[in-house]
Amino acid sequence: MIEHIVLFKWQPDTSPEAIATIIEALKSLQDKIPGIVDLSCGENFCERSKGFTHGLVVRFVDRAALENYGPHPEHQAIVQELIKPVLLDILALDFAIEC
């Protein structure tokens, strides 16, 4: 299994409605992209976040599923249309889970 973690930092003027739309769109990917085992995302409440306000965690069956996810049209539509216009910074981390 592969764990994919993404942290988001939004432009200061990003509306709560825009962020909610992004979160809901990301949550919908679990039913649209093959190889996703689990997907969760939400708002940070930790004081050590260094300005990153939201996170996404996606668990994939294998590395090939992760590699399919990045360029997948459903994922790219969200990235290009919703995320990039309001994104200030992003941090991603991928690792294998030993089961």
Protein backbone atom coordinates (compact mmCIF):
# COMPACT_ATOMS: atom_id res chain seq x y z
CA MET A 1 0.00 0.00 0.00
CA ILE A 2 1.02 3.59 -0.64
CA GLU A 3 0.17 6.60 1.51
CA HIS A 4 -0.07 9.99 -0.24
CA ILE A 5 -0.20 13.05 2.03
CA VAL A 6 -0.74 16.59 0.77
CA LEU A 7 -0.82 19.82 2.78
CA PHE A 8 -2.38 22.99 1.37
CA LYS A 9 -1.75 26.66 2.11
CA TRP A 10 -4.29 28.95 0.43
CA GLN A 11 -4.03 32.54 -0.78
CA PRO A 12 -5.08 34.85 2.11
CA ASP A 13 -8.21 36.03 0.29
CA THR A 14 -9.50 32.52 -0.48
CA SER A 15 -13.11 32.22 0.64
CA PRO A 16 -14.32 29.45 2.95
CA GLU A 17 -16.77 28.50 0.20
CA ALA A 18 -13.95 27.98 -2.32
CA ILE A 19 -12.07 25.79 0.15
CA ALA A 20 -15.23 23.78 0.93
CA THR A 21 -15.74 23.21 -2.80
CA ILE A 22 -12.16 21.95 -3.15
CA ILE A 23 -12.51 19.59 -0.18
CA GLU A 24 -15.77 18.13 -1.51
CA ALA A 25 -14.29 17.72 -4.99
CA LEU A 26 -11.24 15.92 -3.57
CA LYS A 27 -13.46 13.62 -1.50
CA SER A 28 -15.34 12.64 -4.67
CA LEU A 29 -12.18 11.22 -6.25
CA GLN A 30 -12.38 8.01 -4.22
CA ASP A 31 -15.31 6.86 -6.35
CA LYS A 32 -13.81 8.07 -9.64
CA ILE A 33 -10.20 6.89 -9.72
CA PRO A 34 -9.25 3.20 -9.61
CA GLY A 35 -6.77 2.03 -7.00
CA ILE A 36 -7.83 4.36 -4.18
CA VAL A 37 -8.37 2.34 -1.00
CA ASP A 38 -9.24 5.28 1.25
CA LEU A 39 -9.33 9.06 0.97
CA SER A 40 -9.80 11.68 3.67
CA CYS A 41 -9.28 15.41 3.86
CA GLY A 42 -10.06 18.20 6.22
CA GLU A 43 -9.08 21.35 8.08
CA ASN A 44 -6.02 21.52 10.32
CA PHE A 45 -6.34 22.26 14.04
CA CYS A 46 -2.67 21.83 15.00
CA GLU A 47 -0.68 24.91 15.99
CA ARG A 48 2.50 23.53 14.35
CA SER A 49 1.15 23.59 10.79
CA LYS A 50 3.35 26.46 9.53
CA GLY A 51 0.40 28.00 7.72
CA PHE A 52 -0.84 24.84 6.01
CA THR A 53 -4.56 24.84 6.74
CA HIS A 54 -5.91 21.72 5.05
CA GLY A 55 -4.68 18.21 4.41
CA LEU A 56 -5.42 15.29 2.11
CA VAL A 57 -4.50 11.65 2.76
CA VAL A 58 -5.02 9.07 0.04
CA ARG A 59 -4.19 5.39 0.43
CA PHE A 60 -3.53 3.50 -2.80
CA VAL A 61 -3.32 -0.23 -3.49
CA ASP A 62 0.15 0.20 -4.99
CA ARG A 63 2.58 2.64 -6.54
CA ALA A 64 1.08 2.19 -10.01
CA ALA A 65 -2.27 3.43 -8.68
CA LEU A 66 -0.56 6.53 -7.26
CA GLU A 67 1.17 7.13 -10.59
CA ASN A 68 -2.21 6.85 -12.35
CA TYR A 69 -3.81 9.32 -9.90
CA GLY A 70 -1.58 12.33 -10.67
CA PRO A 71 -2.40 12.69 -14.38
CA HIS A 72 -5.94 11.26 -14.12
CA PRO A 73 -8.41 13.67 -15.81
CA GLU A 74 -10.71 13.83 -12.75
CA HIS A 75 -7.78 14.76 -10.49
CA GLN A 76 -6.32 17.22 -12.98
CA ALA A 77 -9.67 19.00 -13.41
CA ILE A 78 -9.75 19.72 -9.66
CA VAL A 79 -6.10 20.77 -9.59
CA GLN A 80 -6.34 23.10 -12.58
CA GLU A 81 -9.81 24.56 -12.06
CA LEU A 82 -10.15 24.72 -8.28
CA ILE A 83 -6.81 24.36 -6.48
CA LYS A 84 -4.22 26.22 -8.58
CA PRO A 85 -6.17 29.52 -8.73
CA VAL A 86 -6.17 29.83 -4.90
CA LEU A 87 -3.04 27.89 -3.91
CA LEU A 88 -0.21 29.67 -2.10
CA ASP A 89 1.91 26.61 -1.23
CA ILE A 90 1.70 22.83 -1.22
CA LEU A 91 3.65 20.01 0.41
CA ALA A 92 3.37 16.36 -0.60
CA LEU A 93 4.80 13.15 0.85
CA ASP A 94 4.45 9.59 -0.47
CA PHE A 95 5.56 6.43 1.28
CA ALA A 96 5.00 2.68 1.24
CA ILE A 97 3.07 1.12 4.11
CA GLU A 98 4.40 -2.19 5.36
CA CYS A 99 1.43 -4.47 6.03
